[in-house]
PDB file of all heavy atoms in Angstrom:
ATOM      1  N   ALA A   1      -0.577   1.127  -1.528  1.00  0.00           N
ATOM      2  CA  ALA A   1      -0.017   1.290  -2.867  1.00  0.00           C
ATOM      3  C   ALA A   1       1.006   2.416  -2.970  1.00  0.00           C
ATOM      4  O   ALA A   1       1.902   2.360  -3.810  1.00  0.00           O
ATOM      5  CB  ALA A   1      -1.126   1.499  -3.898  1.00  0.00           C
ATOM      6  N   ARG A   2       0.889   3.438  -2.130  1.00  0.00           N
ATOM      7  CA  ARG A   2       1.867   4.532  -2.189  1.00  0.00           C
ATOM      8  C   ARG A   2       1.830   5.334  -0.895  1.00  0.00           C
ATOM      9  O   ARG A   2       1.042   5.059   0.001  1.00  0.00           O
ATOM     10  CB  ARG A   2       1.637   5.425  -3.403  1.00  0.00           C
ATOM     11  CG  ARG A   2       0.375   6.237  -3.370  1.00  0.00           C
ATOM     12  CD  ARG A   2       0.324   7.121  -4.602  1.00  0.00           C
ATOM     13  NE  ARG A   2      -0.874   7.934  -4.541  1.00  0.00           N
ATOM     14  CZ  ARG A   2      -1.431   8.503  -5.584  1.00  0.00           C
ATOM     15  NH1 ARG A   2      -0.913   8.335  -6.768  1.00  0.00           N
ATOM     16  NH2 ARG A   2      -2.507   9.231  -5.437  1.00  0.00           N
ATOM     17  N   GLY A   3       2.703   6.299  -0.795  1.00  0.00           N
ATOM     18  CA  GLY A   3       2.753   7.184   0.366  1.00  0.00           C
ATOM     19  C   GLY A   3       3.143   6.462   1.644  1.00  0.00           C
ATOM     20  O   GLY A   3       4.004   5.577   1.634  1.00  0.00           O
ATOM     21  N   ILE A   4       2.511   6.858   2.741  1.00  0.00           N
ATOM     22  CA  ILE A   4       2.835   6.294   4.053  1.00  0.00           C
ATOM     23  C   ILE A   4       2.570   4.793   4.080  1.00  0.00           C
ATOM     24  O   ILE A   4       3.319   4.034   4.677  1.00  0.00           O
ATOM     25  CB  ILE A   4       2.043   7.019   5.163  1.00  0.00           C
ATOM     26  CG1 ILE A   4       2.540   8.456   5.285  1.00  0.00           C
ATOM     27  CG2 ILE A   4       2.160   6.286   6.493  1.00  0.00           C
ATOM     28  CD1 ILE A   4       1.688   9.338   6.177  1.00  0.00           C
ATOM     29  N   GLY A   5       1.500   4.356   3.431  1.00  0.00           N
ATOM     30  CA  GLY A   5       1.196   2.922   3.404  1.00  0.00           C
ATOM     31  C   GLY A   5       2.299   2.123   2.747  1.00  0.00           C
ATOM     32  O   GLY A   5       2.757   1.102   3.285  1.00  0.00           O
ATOM     33  N   ALA A   6       2.779   2.572   1.589  1.00  0.00           N
ATOM     34  CA  ALA A   6       3.857   1.858   0.889  1.00  0.00           C
ATOM     35  C   ALA A   6       5.147   1.903   1.700  1.00  0.00           C
ATOM     36  O   ALA A   6       5.866   0.897   1.781  1.00  0.00           O
ATOM     37  CB  ALA A   6       4.072   2.460  -0.498  1.00  0.00           C
ATOM     38  N   ALA A   7       5.440   3.041   2.315  1.00  0.00           N
ATOM     39  CA  ALA A   7       6.639   3.145   3.158  1.00  0.00           C
ATOM     40  C   ALA A   7       6.551   2.187   4.338  1.00  0.00           C
ATOM     41  O   ALA A   7       7.554   1.576   4.742  1.00  0.00           O
ATOM     42  CB  ALA A   7       6.822   4.581   3.640  1.00  0.00           C
ATOM     43  N   THR A   8       5.354   2.033   4.886  1.00  0.00           N
ATOM     44  CA  THR A   8       5.153   1.105   6.002  1.00  0.00           C
ATOM     45  C   THR A   8       5.378  -0.329   5.551  1.00  0.00           C
ATOM     46  O   THR A   8       6.045  -1.110   6.249  1.00  0.00           O
ATOM     47  CB  THR A   8       3.736   1.277   6.583  1.00  0.00           C
ATOM     48  OG1 THR A   8       3.590   2.622   7.044  1.00  0.00           O
ATOM     49  CG2 THR A   8       3.480   0.312   7.723  1.00  0.00           C
ATOM     50  N   VAL A   9       4.840  -0.687   4.399  1.00  0.00           N
ATOM     51  CA  VAL A   9       5.050  -2.043   3.866  1.00  0.00           C
ATOM     52  C   VAL A   9       6.548  -2.312   3.697  1.00  0.00           C
ATOM     53  O   VAL A   9       7.055  -3.360   4.120  1.00  0.00           O
ATOM     54  CB  VAL A   9       4.305  -2.246   2.529  1.00  0.00           C
ATOM     55  CG1 VAL A   9       4.709  -3.566   1.878  1.00  0.00           C
ATOM     56  CG2 VAL A   9       2.802  -2.195   2.747  1.00  0.00           C
ATOM     57  N   ARG A  10       7.264  -1.372   3.104  1.00  0.00           N
ATOM     58  CA  ARG A  10       8.707  -1.560   2.895  1.00  0.00           C
ATOM     59  C   ARG A  10       9.455  -1.711   4.221  1.00  0.00           C
ATOM     60  O   ARG A  10      10.321  -2.570   4.363  1.00  0.00           O
ATOM     61  CB  ARG A  10       9.267  -0.387   2.092  1.00  0.00           C
ATOM     62  CG  ARG A  10       8.828  -0.386   0.651  1.00  0.00           C
ATOM     63  CD  ARG A  10       9.435   0.785  -0.139  1.00  0.00           C
ATOM     64  NE  ARG A  10       8.937   0.775  -1.481  1.00  0.00           N
ATOM     65  CZ  ARG A  10       7.992   1.612  -1.940  1.00  0.00           C
ATOM     66  NH1 ARG A  10       7.459   2.539  -1.140  1.00  0.00           N
ATOM     67  NH2 ARG A  10       7.588   1.525  -3.187  1.00  0.00           N
ATOM     68  N   ALA A  11       9.107  -0.879   5.196  1.00  0.00           N
ATOM     69  CA  ALA A  11       9.777  -0.954   6.504  1.00  0.00           C
ATOM     70  C   ALA A  11       9.496  -2.289   7.186  1.00  0.00           C
ATOM     71  O   ALA A  11      10.401  -2.900   7.771  1.00  0.00           O
ATOM     72  CB  ALA A  11       9.328   0.209   7.391  1.00  0.00           C
ATOM     73  N   LEU A  12       8.264  -2.750   7.110  1.00  0.00           N
ATOM     74  CA  LEU A  12       7.919  -4.034   7.724  1.00  0.00           C
ATOM     75  C   LEU A  12       8.657  -5.178   7.024  1.00  0.00           C
ATOM     76  O   LEU A  12       9.185  -6.080   7.684  1.00  0.00           O
ATOM     77  CB  LEU A  12       6.408  -4.262   7.690  1.00  0.00           C
ATOM     78  CG  LEU A  12       5.586  -3.383   8.638  1.00  0.00           C
ATOM     79  CD1 LEU A  12       4.100  -3.486   8.310  1.00  0.00           C
ATOM     80  CD2 LEU A  12       5.856  -3.746  10.090  1.00  0.00           C
ATOM     81  N   CYS A  13       8.711  -5.137   5.708  1.00  0.00           N
ATOM     82  CA  CYS A  13       9.429  -6.182   4.971  1.00  0.00           C
ATOM     83  C   CYS A  13      10.910  -6.187   5.346  1.00  0.00           C
ATOM     84  O   CYS A  13      11.505  -7.253   5.516  1.00  0.00           O
ATOM     85  CB  CYS A  13       9.256  -5.996   3.464  1.00  0.00           C
ATOM     86  SG  CYS A  13       7.624  -6.455   2.860  1.00  0.00           S
ATOM     87  N   ASP A  14      11.483  -5.004   5.500  1.00  0.00           N
ATOM     88  CA  ASP A  14      12.890  -4.917   5.902  1.00  0.00           C
ATOM     89  C   ASP A  14      13.129  -5.537   7.268  1.00  0.00           C
ATOM     90  O   ASP A  14      14.224  -5.996   7.573  1.00  0.00           O
ATOM     91  CB  ASP A  14      13.353  -3.457   5.921  1.00  0.00           C
ATOM     92  CG  ASP A  14      13.500  -2.871   4.529  1.00  0.00           C
ATOM     93  OD1 ASP A  14      13.485  -3.638   3.533  1.00  0.00           O
ATOM     94  OD2 ASP A  14      13.618  -1.627   4.434  1.00  0.00           O
ATOM     95  N   ARG A  15      12.091  -5.571   8.101  1.00  0.00           N
ATOM     96  CA  ARG A  15      12.216  -6.155   9.439  1.00  0.00           C
ATOM     97  C   ARG A  15      11.792  -7.615   9.472  1.00  0.00           C
ATOM     98  O   ARG A  15      11.691  -8.207  10.534  1.00  0.00           O
ATOM     99  CB  ARG A  15      11.404  -5.332  10.437  1.00  0.00           C
ATOM    100  CG  ARG A  15      11.962  -3.904  10.555  1.00  0.00           C
ATOM    101  CD  ARG A  15      11.402  -3.150  11.698  1.00  0.00           C
ATOM    102  NE  ARG A  15      11.749  -3.691  12.988  1.00  0.00           N
ATOM    103  CZ  ARG A  15      12.879  -3.449  13.660  1.00  0.00           C
ATOM    104  NH1 ARG A  15      13.798  -2.693  13.109  1.00  0.00           N
ATOM    105  NH2 ARG A  15      13.072  -3.958  14.850  1.00  0.00           N
ATOM    106  N   GLY A  16      11.489  -8.186   8.309  1.00  0.00           N
ATOM    107  CA  GLY A  16      11.187  -9.609   8.245  1.00  0.00           C
ATOM    108  C   GLY A  16       9.715  -9.971   8.234  1.00  0.00           C
ATOM    109  O   GLY A  16       9.363 -11.152   8.216  1.00  0.00           O
ATOM    110  N   TYR A  17       8.840  -8.981   8.263  1.00  0.00           N
ATOM    111  CA  TYR A  17       7.402  -9.254   8.212  1.00  0.00           C
ATOM    112  C   TYR A  17       6.996  -9.759   6.832  1.00  0.00           C
ATOM    113  O   TYR A  17       7.620  -9.428   5.825  1.00  0.00           O
ATOM    114  CB  TYR A  17       6.605  -7.973   8.469  1.00  0.00           C
ATOM    115  CG  TYR A  17       6.370  -7.633   9.908  1.00  0.00           C
ATOM    116  CD1 TYR A  17       7.386  -7.105  10.694  1.00  0.00           C
ATOM    117  CD2 TYR A  17       5.121  -7.799  10.485  1.00  0.00           C
ATOM    118  CE1 TYR A  17       7.160  -6.755  12.014  1.00  0.00           C
ATOM    119  CE2 TYR A  17       4.882  -7.451  11.801  1.00  0.00           C
ATOM    120  CZ  TYR A  17       5.908  -6.935  12.560  1.00  0.00           C
ATOM    121  OH  TYR A  17       5.684  -6.598  13.865  1.00  0.00           O
ATOM    122  N   ARG A  18       5.920 -10.502   6.816  1.00  0.00           N
ATOM    123  CA  ARG A  18       5.179 -10.762   5.587  1.00  0.00           C
ATOM    124  C   ARG A  18       3.957  -9.864   5.674  1.00  0.00           C
ATOM    125  O   ARG A  18       3.417  -9.652   6.760  1.00  0.00           O
ATOM    126  CB  ARG A  18       4.822 -12.236   5.486  1.00  0.00           C
ATOM    127  CG  ARG A  18       6.111 -13.067   5.279  1.00  0.00           C
ATOM    128  CD  ARG A  18       5.918 -14.505   5.522  1.00  0.00           C
ATOM    129  NE  ARG A  18       5.644 -14.697   6.951  1.00  0.00           N
ATOM    130  CZ  ARG A  18       5.206 -15.830   7.474  1.00  0.00           C
ATOM    131  NH1 ARG A  18       4.991 -16.877   6.710  1.00  0.00           N
ATOM    132  NH2 ARG A  18       4.986 -15.941   8.762  1.00  0.00           N
ATOM    133  N   VAL A  19       3.535  -9.310   4.533  1.00  0.00           N
ATOM    134  CA  VAL A  19       2.536  -8.250   4.566  1.00  0.00           C
ATOM    135  C   VAL A  19       1.428  -8.494   3.544  1.00  0.00           C
ATOM    136  O   VAL A  19       1.701  -8.824   2.394  1.00  0.00           O
ATOM    137  CB  VAL A  19       3.195  -6.880   4.264  1.00  0.00           C
ATOM    138  CG1 VAL A  19       2.154  -5.766   4.276  1.00  0.00           C
ATOM    139  CG2 VAL A  19       4.308  -6.575   5.261  1.00  0.00           C
ATOM    140  N   VAL A  20       0.199  -8.306   3.994  1.00  0.00           N
ATOM    141  CA  VAL A  20      -0.936  -8.223   3.085  1.00  0.00           C
ATOM    142  C   VAL A  20      -1.124  -6.738   2.825  1.00  0.00           C
ATOM    143  O   VAL A  20      -1.484  -5.979   3.728  1.00  0.00           O
ATOM    144  CB  VAL A  20      -2.209  -8.853   3.693  1.00  0.00           C
ATOM    145  CG1 VAL A  20      -3.388  -8.665   2.741  1.00  0.00           C
ATOM    146  CG2 VAL A  20      -1.978 -10.324   3.982  1.00  0.00           C
ATOM    147  N   ALA A  21      -0.809  -6.319   1.595  1.00  0.00           N
ATOM    148  CA  ALA A  21      -0.868  -4.914   1.195  1.00  0.00           C
ATOM    149  C   ALA A  21      -2.204  -4.660   0.510  1.00  0.00           C
ATOM    150  O   ALA A  21      -2.477  -5.211  -0.554  1.00  0.00           O
ATOM    151  CB  ALA A  21       0.293  -4.600   0.261  1.00  0.00           C
ATOM    152  N   VAL A  22      -3.025  -3.821   1.121  1.00  0.00           N
ATOM    153  CA  VAL A  22      -4.386  -3.571   0.645  1.00  0.00           C
ATOM    154  C   VAL A  22      -4.512  -2.124   0.185  1.00  0.00           C
ATOM    155  O   VAL A  22      -4.076  -1.207   0.882  1.00  0.00           O
ATOM    156  CB  VAL A  22      -5.410  -3.848   1.770  1.00  0.00           C
ATOM    157  CG1 VAL A  22      -6.814  -3.490   1.333  1.00  0.00           C
ATOM    158  CG2 VAL A  22      -5.323  -5.294   2.232  1.00  0.00           C
ATOM    159  N   ASP A  23      -5.127  -1.933  -0.981  1.00  0.00           N
ATOM    160  CA  ASP A  23      -5.429  -0.586  -1.456  1.00  0.00           C
ATOM    161  C   ASP A  23      -6.640  -0.673  -2.371  1.00  0.00           C
ATOM    162  O   ASP A  23      -6.835  -1.690  -3.037  1.00  0.00           O
ATOM    163  CB  ASP A  23      -4.242   0.004  -2.219  1.00  0.00           C
ATOM    164  CG  ASP A  23      -4.282   1.519  -2.271  1.00  0.00           C
ATOM    165  OD1 ASP A  23      -5.126   2.086  -2.979  1.00  0.00           O
ATOM    166  OD2 ASP A  23      -3.453   2.148  -1.582  1.00  0.00           O
ATOM    167  N   CYS A  24      -7.426   0.394  -2.411  1.00  0.00           N
ATOM    168  CA  CYS A  24      -8.613   0.377  -3.282  1.00  0.00           C
ATOM    169  C   CYS A  24      -8.247   0.595  -4.739  1.00  0.00           C
ATOM    170  O   CYS A  24      -9.030   0.269  -5.626  1.00  0.00           O
ATOM    171  CB  CYS A  24      -9.642   1.403  -2.823  1.00  0.00           C
ATOM    172  SG  CYS A  24      -9.170   3.111  -3.106  1.00  0.00           S
ATOM    173  N   CYS A  25      -7.051   1.146  -4.987  1.00  0.00           N
ATOM    174  CA  CYS A  25      -6.559   1.366  -6.354  1.00  0.00           C
ATOM    175  C   CYS A  25      -7.587   2.117  -7.196  1.00  0.00           C
ATOM    176  O   CYS A  25      -7.800   1.813  -8.368  1.00  0.00           O
ATOM    177  CB  CYS A  25      -6.154   0.048  -6.998  1.00  0.00           C
ATOM    178  SG  CYS A  25      -4.784  -0.743  -6.137  1.00  0.00           S
ATOM    179  N   ALA A  26      -8.226   3.113  -6.604  1.00  0.00           N
ATOM    180  CA  ALA A  26      -9.252   3.884  -7.304  1.00  0.00           C
ATOM    181  C   ALA A  26      -8.670   4.803  -8.360  1.00  0.00           C
ATOM    182  O   ALA A  26      -9.416   5.391  -9.135  1.00  0.00           O
ATOM    183  CB  ALA A  26     -10.080   4.685  -6.294  1.00  0.00           C
ATOM    184  N   GLY A  27      -7.346   4.935  -8.404  1.00  0.00           N
ATOM    185  CA  GLY A  27      -6.721   5.750  -9.438  1.00  0.00           C
ATOM    186  C   GLY A  27      -7.032   5.234 -10.821  1.00  0.00           C
ATOM    187  O   GLY A  27      -7.014   5.978 -11.798  1.00  0.00           O
ATOM    188  N   ASP A  28      -7.328   3.961 -10.929  1.00  0.00           N
ATOM    189  CA  ASP A  28      -7.681   3.368 -12.213  1.00  0.00           C
ATOM    190  C   ASP A  28      -9.145   3.619 -12.564  1.00  0.00           C
ATOM    191  O   ASP A  28      -9.570   3.329 -13.674  1.00  0.00           O
ATOM    192  CB  ASP A  28      -7.423   1.852 -12.181  1.00  0.00           C
ATOM    193  CG  ASP A  28      -5.938   1.531 -12.065  1.00  0.00           C
ATOM    194  OD1 ASP A  28      -5.112   2.397 -12.412  1.00  0.00           O
ATOM    195  OD2 ASP A  28      -5.605   0.429 -11.625  1.00  0.00           O
ATOM    196  N   VAL A  29      -9.920   4.155 -11.609  1.00  0.00           N
ATOM    197  CA  VAL A  29     -11.343   4.438 -11.837  1.00  0.00           C
ATOM    198  C   VAL A  29     -11.589   5.891 -11.419  1.00  0.00           C
ATOM    199  O   VAL A  29     -11.950   6.159 -10.278  1.00  0.00           O
ATOM    200  CB  VAL A  29     -12.242   3.483 -11.016  1.00  0.00           C
ATOM    201  CG1 VAL A  29     -13.705   3.739 -11.323  1.00  0.00           C
ATOM    202  CG2 VAL A  29     -11.865   2.038 -11.255  1.00  0.00           C
ATOM    203  N   PRO A  30     -11.360   6.854 -12.322  1.00  0.00           N
ATOM    204  CA  PRO A  30     -11.528   8.271 -11.951  1.00  0.00           C
ATOM    205  C   PRO A  30     -12.924   8.553 -11.403  1.00  0.00           C
ATOM    206  O   PRO A  30     -13.919   8.025 -11.888  1.00  0.00           O
ATOM    207  CB  PRO A  30     -11.305   9.004 -13.279  1.00  0.00           C
ATOM    208  CG  PRO A  30     -10.532   8.054 -14.124  1.00  0.00           C
ATOM    209  CD  PRO A  30     -10.966   6.676 -13.702  1.00  0.00           C
ATOM    210  N   GLY A  31     -12.960   9.405 -10.362  1.00  0.00           N
ATOM    211  CA  GLY A  31     -14.240   9.801  -9.783  1.00  0.00           C
ATOM    212  C   GLY A  31     -14.846   8.779  -8.843  1.00  0.00           C
ATOM    213  O   GLY A  31     -15.987   8.929  -8.428  1.00  0.00           O
ATOM    214  N   ASP A  32     -14.104   7.738  -8.486  1.00  0.00           N
ATOM    215  CA  ASP A  32     -14.651   6.701  -7.618  1.00  0.00           C
ATOM    216  C   ASP A  32     -14.948   7.219  -6.214  1.00  0.00           C
ATOM    217  O   ASP A  32     -15.866   6.745  -5.568  1.00  0.00           O
ATOM    218  CB  ASP A  32     -13.693   5.508  -7.547  1.00  0.00           C
ATOM    219  CG  ASP A  32     -14.285   4.338  -6.784  1.00  0.00           C
ATOM    220  OD1 ASP A  32     -15.442   3.967  -7.070  1.00  0.00           O
ATOM    221  OD2 ASP A  32     -13.600   3.793  -5.911  1.00  0.00           O
ATOM    222  N   LEU A  33     -14.161   8.177  -5.755  1.00  0.00           N
ATOM    223  CA  LEU A  33     -14.368   8.726  -4.415  1.00  0.00           C
ATOM    224  C   LEU A  33     -14.822  10.179  -4.530  1.00  0.00           C
ATOM    225  O   LEU A  33     -14.031  11.058  -4.845  1.00  0.00           O
ATOM    226  CB  LEU A  33     -13.075   8.638  -3.596  1.00  0.00           C
ATOM    227  CG  LEU A  33     -12.589   7.238  -3.271  1.00  0.00           C
ATOM    228  CD1 LEU A  33     -11.228   7.285  -2.588  1.00  0.00           C
ATOM    229  CD2 LEU A  33     -13.586   6.523  -2.383  1.00  0.00           C
TER     230      LEU A  33
END
């Protein structure tokens, strides 16, 4: 969803990859971790 993971997704897409982008998205649930 952000940071190095998002940069990696963008770089792979630029090289023609299709990507399954996975994130826990815990920002929507404070205190989850």
